[in-house]
N, C-alpha and C. Protein backbone atom coordinates (compact mmCIF):
# COMPACT_ATOMS: atom_id res chain seq x y z
N MET A 1 21.44 148.36 84.23
CA MET A 1 22.10 147.63 85.31
C MET A 1 21.40 146.30 85.58
N ARG A 2 20.05 146.33 85.55
CA ARG A 2 19.32 145.10 85.80
C ARG A 2 19.60 144.04 84.74
N GLN A 3 19.77 144.49 83.49
CA GLN A 3 20.03 143.55 82.43
C GLN A 3 21.38 142.87 82.62
N ILE A 4 22.37 143.62 83.07
CA ILE A 4 23.70 143.04 83.31
C ILE A 4 23.64 142.01 84.43
N VAL A 5 22.91 142.33 85.50
CA VAL A 5 22.78 141.39 86.63
C VAL A 5 22.04 140.14 86.18
N GLY A 6 20.98 140.33 85.40
CA GLY A 6 20.22 139.18 84.90
C GLY A 6 21.06 138.29 84.00
N ASP A 7 21.82 138.89 83.10
CA ASP A 7 22.69 138.11 82.22
C ASP A 7 23.78 137.41 83.01
N ALA A 8 24.30 138.06 84.03
CA ALA A 8 25.31 137.43 84.88
C ALA A 8 24.72 136.24 85.63
N MET A 9 23.49 136.37 86.11
CA MET A 9 22.84 135.26 86.80
C MET A 9 22.64 134.07 85.87
N LEU A 10 22.24 134.33 84.63
CA LEU A 10 22.09 133.26 83.65
C LEU A 10 23.42 132.59 83.35
N ALA A 11 24.48 133.39 83.22
CA ALA A 11 25.80 132.82 82.94
C ALA A 11 26.28 131.96 84.10
N VAL A 12 26.03 132.40 85.32
CA VAL A 12 26.44 131.62 86.49
C VAL A 12 25.66 130.31 86.55
N LEU A 13 24.36 130.35 86.32
CA LEU A 13 23.56 129.12 86.35
C LEU A 13 23.97 128.18 85.22
N ALA A 14 24.29 128.71 84.06
CA ALA A 14 24.76 127.87 82.95
C ALA A 14 26.08 127.19 83.31
N ALA A 15 26.98 127.92 83.96
CA ALA A 15 28.26 127.33 84.39
C ALA A 15 28.04 126.25 85.45
N VAL A 16 27.13 126.52 86.38
CA VAL A 16 26.82 125.52 87.42
C VAL A 16 26.21 124.28 86.78
N ALA A 17 25.33 124.46 85.81
CA ALA A 17 24.71 123.32 85.13
C ALA A 17 25.76 122.49 84.40
N LEU A 18 26.68 123.17 83.72
CA LEU A 18 27.73 122.45 83.01
C LEU A 18 28.62 121.67 83.97
N LEU A 19 29.01 122.30 85.06
CA LEU A 19 29.83 121.61 86.06
C LEU A 19 29.08 120.44 86.69
N ALA A 20 27.80 120.63 86.96
CA ALA A 20 27.01 119.56 87.58
C ALA A 20 26.89 118.36 86.65
N MET A 21 26.84 118.60 85.36
CA MET A 21 26.72 117.50 84.42
C MET A 21 28.05 116.79 84.18
N LEU A 22 29.15 117.52 84.21
CA LEU A 22 30.44 116.95 83.80
C LEU A 22 31.42 116.67 84.92
N TRP A 23 31.19 117.21 86.10
CA TRP A 23 32.13 117.02 87.19
C TRP A 23 32.00 115.60 87.73
N GLY A 24 33.11 114.93 87.89
CA GLY A 24 33.10 113.58 88.43
C GLY A 24 33.64 113.53 89.83
N TRP A 25 33.06 112.67 90.66
CA TRP A 25 33.59 112.49 92.00
C TRP A 25 33.92 111.03 92.18
N THR A 26 34.99 110.79 92.92
CA THR A 26 35.56 109.45 93.06
C THR A 26 35.04 108.78 94.31
N TYR A 27 34.64 107.53 94.13
CA TYR A 27 34.25 106.66 95.24
C TYR A 27 35.30 105.57 95.30
N SER A 28 36.04 105.54 96.39
CA SER A 28 37.16 104.62 96.49
C SER A 28 37.10 103.84 97.80
N VAL A 29 37.07 102.53 97.67
CA VAL A 29 37.21 101.61 98.80
C VAL A 29 38.33 100.65 98.41
N PRO A 30 38.83 99.84 99.32
CA PRO A 30 40.01 99.02 98.99
C PRO A 30 39.86 98.13 97.76
N ASP A 31 38.66 97.67 97.43
CA ASP A 31 38.52 96.76 96.29
C ASP A 31 37.75 97.38 95.11
N LEU A 32 37.51 98.69 95.13
CA LEU A 32 36.73 99.31 94.07
C LEU A 32 37.07 100.79 93.96
N VAL A 33 37.32 101.25 92.73
CA VAL A 33 37.50 102.67 92.46
C VAL A 33 36.54 103.03 91.34
N ARG A 34 35.67 104.00 91.62
CA ARG A 34 34.62 104.37 90.67
C ARG A 34 34.51 105.89 90.61
N VAL A 35 34.32 106.42 89.39
CA VAL A 35 34.09 107.85 89.20
C VAL A 35 32.66 108.01 88.68
N SER A 36 31.86 108.83 89.39
CA SER A 36 30.46 109.03 89.04
C SER A 36 30.26 110.42 88.47
N TYR A 37 29.32 110.54 87.53
CA TYR A 37 29.04 111.81 86.88
C TYR A 37 27.54 112.09 86.93
N GLY A 38 27.19 113.37 87.06
CA GLY A 38 25.80 113.80 87.01
C GLY A 38 25.28 114.28 88.34
N LEU A 39 24.49 115.35 88.26
CA LEU A 39 23.84 115.90 89.44
C LEU A 39 22.56 116.56 88.96
N PRO A 40 21.42 116.31 89.42
CA PRO A 40 21.02 115.62 90.64
C PRO A 40 20.98 114.09 90.51
N LEU A 41 20.93 113.57 89.30
CA LEU A 41 20.92 112.11 89.12
C LEU A 41 22.26 111.64 88.59
N ASN A 42 22.70 110.50 89.06
CA ASN A 42 23.97 109.92 88.65
C ASN A 42 23.77 109.20 87.31
N TRP A 43 24.13 109.87 86.20
CA TRP A 43 23.86 109.30 84.89
C TRP A 43 25.01 108.46 84.34
N GLY A 44 26.22 108.61 84.87
CA GLY A 44 27.35 107.85 84.35
C GLY A 44 28.30 107.40 85.44
N GLU A 45 28.86 106.21 85.24
CA GLU A 45 29.87 105.69 86.16
C GLU A 45 31.01 105.08 85.36
N ASN A 46 32.22 105.39 85.76
CA ASN A 46 33.41 104.81 85.17
C ASN A 46 34.11 104.00 86.25
N THR A 47 34.07 102.68 86.11
CA THR A 47 34.73 101.80 87.06
C THR A 47 36.18 101.64 86.63
N LEU A 48 37.11 102.01 87.52
CA LEU A 48 38.52 101.99 87.18
C LEU A 48 39.25 100.76 87.71
N GLU A 49 38.88 100.31 88.91
CA GLU A 49 39.53 99.14 89.50
C GLU A 49 38.52 98.33 90.27
N THR A 50 38.68 97.02 90.22
CA THR A 50 37.88 96.11 91.04
C THR A 50 38.83 95.19 91.80
N ILE A 51 38.28 94.29 92.56
CA ILE A 51 39.11 93.37 93.32
C ILE A 51 39.90 92.44 92.38
N ALA A 52 39.39 92.26 91.16
CA ALA A 52 40.06 91.40 90.18
C ALA A 52 41.19 92.11 89.44
N GLY A 53 41.29 93.43 89.57
CA GLY A 53 42.34 94.17 88.90
C GLY A 53 41.80 95.39 88.18
N PRO A 54 42.68 96.06 87.42
CA PRO A 54 42.25 97.28 86.74
C PRO A 54 41.29 96.98 85.58
N VAL A 55 40.29 97.83 85.47
CA VAL A 55 39.32 97.75 84.38
C VAL A 55 39.02 99.17 83.92
N ASP A 56 38.36 99.29 82.79
CA ASP A 56 37.89 100.60 82.34
C ASP A 56 36.49 100.38 81.77
N ARG A 57 35.52 100.33 82.65
CA ARG A 57 34.14 100.02 82.27
C ARG A 57 33.26 101.23 82.50
N TRP A 58 32.53 101.63 81.46
CA TRP A 58 31.60 102.74 81.56
C TRP A 58 30.19 102.20 81.65
N SER A 59 29.40 102.82 82.50
CA SER A 59 27.98 102.51 82.61
C SER A 59 27.23 103.83 82.51
N VAL A 60 26.41 103.97 81.46
CA VAL A 60 25.69 105.22 81.22
C VAL A 60 24.20 104.93 81.21
N ASN A 61 23.46 105.67 82.02
CA ASN A 61 22.01 105.56 82.05
C ASN A 61 21.45 106.75 81.26
N LEU A 62 20.98 106.47 80.05
CA LEU A 62 20.51 107.54 79.17
C LEU A 62 19.25 108.22 79.68
N THR A 63 18.43 107.49 80.40
CA THR A 63 17.22 108.09 80.98
C THR A 63 17.59 109.15 82.01
N TYR A 64 18.53 108.83 82.90
CA TYR A 64 18.98 109.80 83.90
C TYR A 64 19.69 110.99 83.25
N LEU A 65 20.43 110.74 82.18
CA LEU A 65 21.09 111.83 81.46
C LEU A 65 20.05 112.78 80.86
N ALA A 66 19.01 112.22 80.27
CA ALA A 66 17.95 113.05 79.70
C ALA A 66 17.22 113.84 80.79
N ILE A 67 16.96 113.20 81.92
CA ILE A 67 16.29 113.90 83.03
C ILE A 67 17.18 115.02 83.56
N ASP A 68 18.47 114.78 83.68
CA ASP A 68 19.40 115.83 84.11
C ASP A 68 19.39 117.01 83.14
N LEU A 69 19.44 116.72 81.85
CA LEU A 69 19.41 117.79 80.85
C LEU A 69 18.11 118.59 80.94
N VAL A 70 16.99 117.90 81.07
CA VAL A 70 15.70 118.58 81.19
C VAL A 70 15.68 119.44 82.45
N PHE A 71 16.18 118.91 83.56
CA PHE A 71 16.20 119.65 84.82
C PHE A 71 17.00 120.95 84.68
N TRP A 72 18.21 120.87 84.13
CA TRP A 72 19.06 122.05 84.06
C TRP A 72 18.55 123.04 83.01
N PHE A 73 18.02 122.55 81.88
CA PHE A 73 17.44 123.48 80.91
C PHE A 73 16.19 124.14 81.47
N ALA A 74 15.38 123.40 82.21
CA ALA A 74 14.19 123.99 82.84
C ALA A 74 14.59 125.05 83.86
N ALA A 75 15.66 124.81 84.60
CA ALA A 75 16.13 125.81 85.56
C ALA A 75 16.59 127.08 84.84
N LEU A 76 17.30 126.91 83.72
CA LEU A 76 17.73 128.08 82.95
C LEU A 76 16.54 128.85 82.36
N ILE A 77 15.57 128.12 81.84
CA ILE A 77 14.39 128.78 81.27
C ILE A 77 13.59 129.49 82.36
N ALA A 78 13.44 128.84 83.52
CA ALA A 78 12.70 129.46 84.62
C ALA A 78 13.39 130.73 85.10
N LEU A 79 14.72 130.70 85.21
CA LEU A 79 15.45 131.88 85.63
C LEU A 79 15.33 132.99 84.58
N ASP A 80 15.39 132.62 83.31
CA ASP A 80 15.23 133.62 82.25
C ASP A 80 13.84 134.26 82.30
N ARG A 81 12.81 133.46 82.52
CA ARG A 81 11.45 134.00 82.63
C ARG A 81 11.32 134.92 83.84
N TYR A 82 11.91 134.50 84.95
CA TYR A 82 11.86 135.32 86.17
C TYR A 82 12.54 136.67 85.95
N ILE A 83 13.69 136.63 85.29
CA ILE A 83 14.43 137.88 85.03
C ILE A 83 13.65 138.77 84.08
N SER A 84 13.04 138.19 83.05
CA SER A 84 12.29 139.01 82.09
C SER A 84 11.03 139.61 82.73
N ILE A 85 10.42 138.92 83.68
CA ILE A 85 9.26 139.47 84.38
C ILE A 85 9.68 140.62 85.28
N ARG A 86 10.84 140.51 85.91
CA ARG A 86 11.32 141.53 86.84
C ARG A 86 11.76 142.81 86.13
N ARG A 87 12.05 142.75 84.84
CA ARG A 87 12.52 143.93 84.10
C ARG A 87 11.41 144.82 83.87
């Protein structure tokens, strides 16, 4: 039973990590529409509209993307270690 709960916890954290990395939220004001990606750090932005008109500009910070990946993989590894110690 403990193994099933541990595996379920890992699956849930993996799903949360995937959603945190790929889920975008929209920032919209009258002269700017932007979609941001990444949690805890904002690693990507897609600018859709500016005051000058529609655009499709991507801005990706590879350092923040790498830090996000390290953060979520470290969380998965830490949870796996915690579960293996508890067994």
